[in-house]
């Protein structure tokens, strides 16, 4: 018996030694081309995809620099385009480090699910890759700015998107979150929008605004102000600022820095109809005051809080009404909240939510509290 155990133990050791001797899918690094990001367009005739990749090349000797290069290839499908690219690039494309995937508006309008399916099925691509929609005529031109600015644009865009949580100009959307929204009940998908902006003498990508989807098709865009209202409703505002015209339309502007925000959605059923109440509690600080109006003492601070609350209420109600009327796409997740809080009601209205959503009554109740006035305890005065 002991003899058999020794033989079995020896076999296990030899087997492990063989298995741990190397990687089964090992590839030489000099045979790979590292991809930082992808852009997906349609050809001019519309019958093919154009796949653009931004690659990272190392240049220089002792002080090596990363240089951006782009390759664009057509294919009948995205897999076909990827195969064609491998055959002309001289190296196998390695996409495990890709940080962004940018869709053109033409691709998004036709139906993003075809692209998302290809991205999701690629075993090398990470599920946290950021997905965006290009506001320019193509997605390709966004990545091509890298070779003109000595930057890896895909990596820069990834940093900007991570920073969006602090400034609330665009939604951040990783691939796995997008897949969840596309397959979810009572919520429509949104993506951040990237465009090109002139900064001094350079043209750089800027992430600002929201792409609105109905099912998997792009139906419109929201600007940065409307995007902030969307993020308030979704309880995804973690910073940024509110700009307020004092306590009247013609008053000097006041900038309020957002410290904290909590939004709660409450669906109710009245007379057979679903209504949504939005309670928003926001803590801010006086960050900038144009003029000499005193908003620091209690009377002025209360006036400013009330004025800011009314501005927020009107702005959010207007955005909701515009999306209901123009796009009829529940990007706010009202239906998902009804399903979560009122499953019985959802069973009755869920299959008709497209028709119900556009008529849902929404009431907004903001509560803004000014925490402090930064380092100044008095408004600045101008002498004689």
Protein backbone atom coordinates (compact mmCIF):
# COMPACT_ATOMS: atom_id res chain seq x y z
CA UNK A 1 0.00 0.00 0.00
CA UNK A 2 2.87 2.34 0.95
CA UNK A 3 4.63 1.48 -2.30
CA UNK A 4 1.54 2.45 -4.34
CA UNK A 5 1.20 5.76 -2.48
CA UNK A 6 4.84 6.61 -3.23
CA UNK A 7 4.33 5.87 -6.92
CA UNK A 8 1.16 7.98 -7.02
CA UNK A 9 2.92 10.84 -5.21
CA UNK A 10 5.81 10.69 -7.69
CA UNK A 11 3.38 10.79 -10.64
CA UNK A 12 1.66 13.89 -9.20
CA UNK A 13 5.01 15.67 -8.76
CA UNK A 14 6.06 14.92 -12.34
CA UNK A 15 2.66 16.02 -13.69
CA UNK A 16 2.85 19.35 -11.83
CA UNK A 17 6.38 19.91 -13.04
CA UNK A 18 5.21 19.52 -16.64
CA UNK A 19 2.18 21.78 -16.16
CA UNK A 20 4.11 24.54 -14.40
CA UNK A 21 7.04 24.55 -16.79
CA UNK A 22 5.62 27.39 -18.91
CA UNK A 23 2.54 29.25 -20.14
CA UNK A 24 0.35 27.37 -22.57
CA UNK A 25 -0.47 30.57 -24.50
CA UNK A 26 2.93 32.25 -24.21
CA UNK A 27 3.74 34.70 -26.99
CA UNK A 28 6.95 36.61 -27.69
CA UNK A 29 6.51 40.32 -26.91
CA UNK A 30 8.37 41.39 -30.04
CA UNK A 31 5.75 39.56 -32.11
CA UNK A 32 2.88 41.61 -30.61
CA UNK A 33 1.54 45.12 -31.32
CA UNK A 34 -0.01 46.57 -28.16
CA UNK A 35 -3.39 48.24 -28.79
CA UNK A 36 -4.39 51.20 -26.58
CA UNK A 37 -7.83 51.86 -28.08
CA UNK A 38 -10.24 51.08 -30.89
CA UNK A 39 -12.49 53.18 -33.12
CA UNK A 40 -15.30 51.71 -35.22
CA UNK A 41 -16.84 53.41 -38.27
CA UNK A 42 -18.86 52.46 -41.33
CA UNK A 43 -17.40 52.71 -44.83
CA UNK A 44 -18.69 55.40 -47.18
CA UNK A 45 -20.85 52.83 -48.96
CA UNK A 46 -22.13 51.57 -45.60
CA UNK A 47 -21.57 47.90 -46.40
CA UNK A 48 -18.33 47.44 -44.44
CA UNK A 49 -16.87 48.30 -41.06
CA UNK A 50 -13.75 50.41 -40.68
CA UNK A 51 -11.71 49.31 -37.67
CA UNK A 52 -9.07 51.72 -36.40
CA UNK A 53 -6.65 50.80 -33.63
CA UNK A 54 -4.28 53.11 -31.77
CA UNK A 55 -1.08 51.23 -31.07
CA UNK A 56 1.70 51.97 -28.61
CA UNK A 57 5.20 51.98 -30.11
CA UNK A 58 8.35 52.45 -28.02
CA UNK A 59 10.86 54.89 -29.54
CA UNK A 60 14.27 56.02 -28.39
CA UNK A 61 17.18 54.51 -26.55
CA UNK A 62 18.04 55.28 -22.96
CA UNK A 63 14.99 57.52 -22.47
CA UNK A 64 12.34 55.61 -24.35
CA UNK A 65 9.05 57.32 -25.27
CA UNK A 66 5.68 55.83 -26.09
CA UNK A 67 4.44 56.97 -29.49
CA UNK A 68 0.90 56.76 -30.86
CA UNK A 69 0.26 55.20 -34.26
CA UNK A 70 -3.02 54.27 -35.92
CA UNK A 71 -3.97 51.56 -38.39
CA UNK A 72 -7.31 51.49 -40.21
CA UNK A 73 -8.61 48.46 -42.11
CA UNK A 74 -11.99 47.59 -43.67
CA UNK A 75 -13.87 44.34 -43.29
CA UNK A 76 -17.30 42.83 -43.93
CA UNK A 77 -17.53 42.20 -40.18
CA UNK A 78 -15.41 43.42 -37.28
CA UNK A 79 -13.79 40.00 -36.95
CA UNK A 80 -12.99 40.15 -40.66
CA UNK A 81 -11.45 43.63 -40.24
CA UNK A 82 -9.36 42.39 -37.29
CA UNK A 83 -8.11 39.44 -39.39
CA UNK A 84 -7.24 41.77 -42.27
CA UNK A 85 -5.37 44.04 -39.88
CA UNK A 86 -3.31 41.16 -38.48
CA UNK A 87 -2.29 40.23 -42.01
CA UNK A 88 -0.89 43.67 -42.87
CA UNK A 89 0.48 44.94 -39.55
CA UNK A 90 3.27 42.36 -39.42
CA UNK A 91 2.48 41.61 -35.79
CA UNK A 92 -0.46 40.16 -33.91
CA UNK A 93 -2.66 42.81 -32.31
CA UNK A 94 -2.68 42.49 -28.52
CA UNK A 95 -5.84 44.16 -27.19
CA UNK A 96 -5.72 43.23 -23.50
CA UNK A 97 -4.50 46.74 -22.62
CA UNK A 98 -7.06 48.61 -24.76
CA UNK A 99 -8.74 51.28 -22.62
CA UNK A 100 -11.40 52.78 -24.91
CA UNK A 101 -13.71 51.75 -27.75
CA UNK A 102 -15.18 54.67 -29.72
CA UNK A 103 -18.25 54.26 -31.94
CA UNK A 104 -19.18 56.64 -34.73
CA UNK A 105 -22.72 58.00 -34.74
CA UNK A 106 -23.45 56.02 -37.93
CA UNK A 107 -22.51 52.77 -36.17
CA UNK A 108 -24.47 53.71 -33.04
CA UNK A 109 -27.57 54.69 -35.03
CA UNK A 110 -27.52 51.41 -36.96
CA UNK A 111 -27.43 49.40 -33.71
CA UNK A 112 -24.66 49.18 -31.15
CA UNK A 113 -25.42 45.59 -30.16
CA UNK A 114 -23.46 44.24 -33.14
CA UNK A 115 -20.34 46.04 -31.95
CA UNK A 116 -20.92 45.30 -28.26
CA UNK A 117 -21.33 41.60 -29.06
CA UNK A 118 -17.96 41.57 -30.83
CA UNK A 119 -16.25 43.43 -27.98
CA UNK A 120 -17.78 41.16 -25.34
CA UNK A 121 -16.81 37.95 -27.17
CA UNK A 122 -13.15 38.98 -27.50
CA UNK A 123 -11.50 36.99 -24.73
CA UNK A 124 -8.54 39.40 -24.52
CA UNK A 125 -10.58 42.58 -24.08
CA UNK A 126 -11.31 43.55 -20.49
CA UNK A 127 -14.88 44.11 -19.35
CA UNK A 128 -13.93 47.52 -17.91
CA UNK A 129 -12.97 49.02 -21.28
CA UNK A 130 -14.68 52.41 -21.65
CA UNK A 131 -17.18 52.83 -24.52
CA UNK A 132 -17.84 56.26 -26.08
CA UNK A 133 -19.65 57.83 -29.04
CA UNK A 134 -17.83 60.29 -31.31
CA UNK A 135 -19.49 63.64 -31.95
CA UNK A 136 -17.23 64.14 -34.96
CA UNK A 137 -18.08 62.74 -38.38
CA UNK A 138 -15.95 59.65 -37.65
CA UNK A 139 -14.55 57.84 -34.63
CA UNK A 140 -11.25 57.32 -36.43
CA UNK A 141 -10.26 61.00 -36.26
CA UNK A 142 -10.43 60.99 -32.46
CA UNK A 143 -7.64 58.41 -32.21
CA UNK A 144 -5.62 59.99 -35.02
CA UNK A 145 -5.04 63.11 -32.91
CA UNK A 146 -2.55 61.07 -30.86
CA UNK A 147 0.11 61.04 -33.57
CA UNK A 148 -0.20 64.86 -33.79
CA UNK A 149 0.03 65.57 -30.06
CA UNK A 150 2.67 63.07 -28.89
CA UNK A 151 0.08 61.48 -26.61
CA UNK A 152 -1.53 58.07 -26.39
CA UNK A 153 -5.07 59.41 -26.83
CA UNK A 154 -6.76 56.24 -25.60
CA UNK A 155 -4.90 56.39 -22.29
CA UNK A 156 -5.65 60.11 -21.94
CA UNK A 157 -9.37 59.51 -22.59
CA UNK A 158 -9.40 56.79 -19.93
CA UNK A 159 -7.98 59.27 -17.39
CA UNK A 160 -10.56 61.90 -18.38
CA UNK A 161 -13.43 59.42 -17.99
CA UNK A 162 -12.22 58.37 -14.54
CA UNK A 163 -12.16 62.08 -13.64
CA UNK A 164 -15.77 62.56 -14.80
CA UNK A 165 -17.01 61.31 -11.42
CA UNK A 166 -15.57 64.50 -9.95
CA UNK A 167 -16.88 67.00 -12.52
CA UNK A 168 -20.14 65.42 -13.80
CA UNK A 169 -19.92 66.51 -17.45
CA UNK A 170 -20.44 63.03 -18.93
CA UNK A 171 -21.47 59.55 -17.78
CA UNK A 172 -18.72 56.99 -17.37
CA UNK A 173 -19.66 53.71 -19.01
CA UNK A 174 -17.59 50.56 -18.91
CA UNK A 175 -18.45 47.66 -21.24
CA UNK A 176 -20.02 45.46 -18.54
CA UNK A 177 -22.27 48.31 -17.38
CA UNK A 178 -23.39 48.99 -20.94
CA UNK A 179 -24.26 45.33 -21.46
CA UNK A 180 -26.29 45.40 -18.23
CA UNK A 181 -28.24 48.49 -19.35
CA UNK A 182 -28.90 47.12 -22.84
CA UNK A 183 -30.35 43.96 -21.34
CA UNK A 184 -32.13 45.62 -18.41
CA UNK A 185 -35.84 46.32 -17.91
CA UNK A 186 -37.03 49.88 -17.35
CA UNK A 187 -33.78 51.64 -18.25
CA UNK A 188 -32.20 52.73 -21.52
CA UNK A 189 -28.48 52.96 -22.16
CA UNK A 190 -26.38 56.12 -22.34
CA UNK A 191 -22.76 56.65 -23.36
CA UNK A 192 -20.31 59.54 -22.96
CA UNK A 193 -19.66 61.75 -25.99
CA UNK A 194 -16.17 62.63 -27.20
CA UNK A 195 -15.40 65.50 -29.59
CA UNK A 196 -12.36 67.49 -30.72
CA UNK A 197 -11.69 70.93 -29.24
CA UNK A 198 -9.16 73.58 -30.21
CA UNK A 199 -6.91 74.37 -27.21
CA UNK A 200 -4.44 77.11 -28.07
CA UNK A 201 -2.81 75.76 -31.24
CA UNK A 202 -3.58 72.11 -30.53
CA UNK A 203 -6.65 69.99 -31.22
CA UNK A 204 -7.46 67.68 -28.32
CA UNK A 205 -10.29 65.27 -27.48
CA UNK A 206 -12.89 66.51 -25.01
CA UNK A 207 -15.40 64.28 -23.18
CA UNK A 208 -18.61 66.18 -22.56
CA UNK A 209 -22.28 65.28 -23.00
CA UNK A 210 -24.37 62.13 -23.32
CA UNK A 211 -25.42 59.86 -26.17
CA UNK A 212 -29.03 58.72 -25.68
CA UNK A 213 -30.05 55.23 -26.83
CA UNK A 214 -33.42 53.60 -27.32
CA UNK A 215 -32.90 49.85 -27.19
CA UNK A 216 -29.47 49.66 -28.87
CA UNK A 217 -29.88 52.55 -31.32
CA UNK A 218 -28.58 56.10 -30.87
CA UNK A 219 -31.49 58.57 -30.94
CA UNK A 220 -29.91 61.82 -29.78
CA UNK A 221 -27.35 63.76 -27.74
CA UNK A 222 -27.56 65.75 -24.50
CA UNK A 223 -25.26 68.70 -23.78
CA UNK A 224 -23.15 68.96 -20.62
CA UNK A 225 -25.78 70.90 -18.62
CA UNK A 226 -28.50 68.36 -19.42
CA UNK A 227 -26.02 65.59 -18.64
CA UNK A 228 -25.48 66.98 -15.14
CA UNK A 229 -29.25 66.91 -14.58
CA UNK A 230 -29.33 63.29 -15.78
CA UNK A 231 -26.54 62.37 -13.34
CA UNK A 232 -28.39 64.13 -10.51
CA UNK A 233 -31.46 61.98 -11.20
CA UNK A 234 -29.31 58.83 -11.34
CA UNK A 235 -27.57 59.74 -8.04
CA UNK A 236 -24.20 59.82 -9.81
CA UNK A 237 -23.03 63.33 -8.93
CA UNK A 238 -19.93 63.18 -6.73
CA UNK A 239 -18.49 66.63 -7.36
CA UNK A 240 -18.44 69.51 -9.81
CA UNK A 241 -20.18 72.84 -9.43
CA UNK A 242 -23.49 74.65 -9.85
CA UNK A 243 -23.49 78.09 -11.48
CA UNK A 244 -26.30 80.29 -10.21
CA UNK A 245 -27.40 83.83 -11.14
CA UNK A 246 -27.44 84.96 -7.51
CA UNK A 247 -31.03 85.29 -6.34
CA UNK A 248 -32.38 86.66 -9.63
CA UNK A 249 -32.02 86.40 -13.40
CA UNK A 250 -29.99 89.62 -13.66
CA UNK A 251 -27.86 89.07 -10.55
CA UNK A 252 -24.11 88.42 -10.75
CA UNK A 253 -23.15 84.76 -11.10
CA UNK A 254 -22.27 82.61 -8.10
CA UNK A 255 -20.37 79.32 -8.33
CA UNK A 256 -21.30 76.62 -5.81
CA UNK A 257 -18.87 73.73 -5.30
CA UNK A 258 -20.62 70.40 -4.78
CA UNK A 259 -19.41 68.45 -1.73
CA UNK A 260 -22.07 65.79 -1.46
CA UNK A 261 -25.31 64.72 -3.13
CA UNK A 262 -27.98 62.12 -2.47
CA UNK A 263 -30.90 61.52 -4.82
CA UNK A 264 -33.83 59.23 -4.07
CA UNK A 265 -36.49 58.17 -6.58
CA UNK A 266 -39.90 57.25 -5.24
CA UNK A 267 -42.51 55.79 -7.61
CA UNK A 268 -46.18 55.87 -6.63
CA UNK A 269 -49.38 54.76 -8.36
CA UNK A 270 -52.24 57.24 -8.56
CA UNK A 271 -55.50 56.59 -10.39
CA UNK A 272 -53.84 53.77 -12.34
CA UNK A 273 -50.90 55.97 -13.45
CA UNK A 274 -47.28 55.85 -12.28
CA UNK A 275 -45.78 59.05 -10.89
CA UNK A 276 -42.17 59.67 -9.86
CA UNK A 277 -40.95 61.86 -7.01
CA UNK A 278 -37.30 62.93 -7.07
CA UNK A 279 -35.84 64.09 -3.73
CA UNK A 280 -32.38 65.68 -4.07
CA UNK A 281 -30.23 66.76 -1.13
CA UNK A 282 -27.07 68.62 -2.14
CA UNK A 283 -24.37 70.14 0.07
CA UNK A 284 -22.31 72.92 -1.52
CA UNK A 285 -19.87 75.70 -0.65
CA UNK A 286 -19.58 79.22 -2.02
CA UNK A 287 -16.72 78.87 -4.47
CA UNK A 288 -16.92 82.15 -6.39
CA UNK A 289 -19.04 85.31 -6.16
CA UNK A 290 -19.17 87.89 -8.95
CA UNK A 291 -19.94 91.26 -7.41
CA UNK A 292 -20.28 92.32 -3.79
CA UNK A 293 -23.67 90.85 -2.85
CA UNK A 294 -23.58 89.31 0.62
CA UNK A 295 -24.47 85.61 0.33
CA UNK A 296 -22.43 84.67 3.39
CA UNK A 297 -24.66 86.01 6.16
CA UNK A 298 -27.78 83.94 6.86
CA UNK A 299 -30.40 86.10 5.01
CA UNK A 300 -28.34 86.20 1.81
CA UNK A 301 -27.40 82.55 2.08
CA UNK A 302 -31.05 81.50 2.45
CA UNK A 303 -32.02 83.57 -0.60
CA UNK A 304 -29.25 81.95 -2.63
CA UNK A 305 -30.22 78.45 -1.50
CA UNK A 306 -33.86 79.02 -2.48
CA UNK A 307 -32.88 80.50 -5.83
CA UNK A 308 -30.52 77.59 -6.58
CA UNK A 309 -33.19 75.07 -5.60
CA UNK A 310 -35.71 76.65 -7.96
CA UNK A 311 -33.17 76.70 -10.79
CA UNK A 312 -32.36 73.02 -10.24
CA UNK A 313 -36.03 72.04 -10.06
CA UNK A 314 -36.90 73.75 -13.34
CA UNK A 315 -33.79 72.48 -15.11
CA UNK A 316 -34.34 68.82 -14.15
CA UNK A 317 -38.06 68.91 -14.91
CA UNK A 318 -37.28 70.45 -18.34
CA UNK A 319 -34.71 67.75 -19.14
CA UNK A 320 -37.12 64.97 -18.16
CA UNK A 321 -39.90 66.47 -20.28
CA UNK A 322 -37.56 66.98 -23.26
CA UNK A 323 -36.33 63.36 -23.14
CA UNK A 324 -39.90 62.06 -22.76
CA UNK A 325 -41.13 64.14 -25.71
CA UNK A 326 -38.17 63.98 -28.08
CA UNK A 327 -36.68 60.53 -27.47
CA UNK A 328 -39.22 58.57 -25.36
CA UNK A 329 -36.26 56.69 -23.87
CA UNK A 330 -36.11 55.98 -20.14
CA UNK A 331 -32.46 56.86 -19.58
CA UNK A 332 -33.31 57.88 -16.00
CA UNK A 333 -34.20 54.36 -14.87
CA UNK A 334 -37.73 55.24 -13.71
CA UNK A 335 -39.05 51.92 -14.94
CA UNK A 336 -36.28 49.98 -13.19
CA UNK A 337 -37.20 51.73 -9.93
CA UNK A 338 -40.88 50.86 -10.42
CA UNK A 339 -39.87 47.23 -11.00
CA UNK A 340 -37.73 47.24 -7.84
CA UNK A 341 -40.16 49.01 -5.49
CA UNK A 342 -43.53 48.05 -6.99
CA UNK A 343 -43.22 44.61 -8.65
CA UNK A 344 -47.00 44.20 -8.79
CA UNK A 345 -47.43 47.48 -10.66
CA UNK A 346 -44.55 46.59 -12.99
CA UNK A 347 -46.27 43.36 -13.96
CA UNK A 348 -49.18 45.50 -15.20
CA UNK A 349 -47.23 48.26 -16.95
CA UNK A 350 -43.86 46.69 -17.81
CA UNK A 351 -44.81 45.47 -21.28
CA UNK A 352 -46.29 48.90 -22.07
CA UNK A 353 -43.54 51.01 -20.48
CA UNK A 354 -42.58 52.60 -23.82
CA UNK A 355 -46.08 54.06 -24.05
CA UNK A 356 -46.34 54.83 -20.33
CA UNK A 357 -42.94 56.52 -19.88
CA UNK A 358 -43.62 59.53 -22.08
CA UNK A 359 -46.60 60.52 -19.91
CA UNK A 360 -45.14 59.82 -16.46
CA UNK A 361 -45.59 62.81 -14.14
CA UNK A 362 -42.32 63.75 -12.45
CA UNK A 363 -42.02 66.03 -9.40
CA UNK A 364 -38.61 67.33 -8.31
CA UNK A 365 -37.84 68.47 -4.75
CA UNK A 366 -34.26 69.80 -4.39
CA UNK A 367 -32.77 70.82 -1.07
CA UNK A 368 -29.49 72.73 -1.36
CA UNK A 369 -27.46 73.53 1.75
CA UNK A 370 -24.55 75.98 1.62
CA UNK A 371 -21.98 74.53 3.99
CA UNK A 372 -19.40 77.33 4.06
CA UNK A 373 -17.83 80.18 2.10
CA UNK A 374 -14.36 78.65 1.64
CA UNK A 375 -11.55 80.78 3.14
CA UNK A 376 -13.46 84.11 3.10
CA UNK A 377 -16.01 84.89 5.80
CA UNK A 378 -17.11 88.19 4.23
CA UNK A 379 -17.83 89.33 0.65
CA UNK A 380 -15.04 91.33 -1.00
CA UNK A 381 -15.56 95.09 -0.85
CA UNK A 382 -14.30 97.74 -3.26
CA UNK A 383 -12.95 100.91 -1.66
CA UNK A 384 -13.68 104.49 -2.69
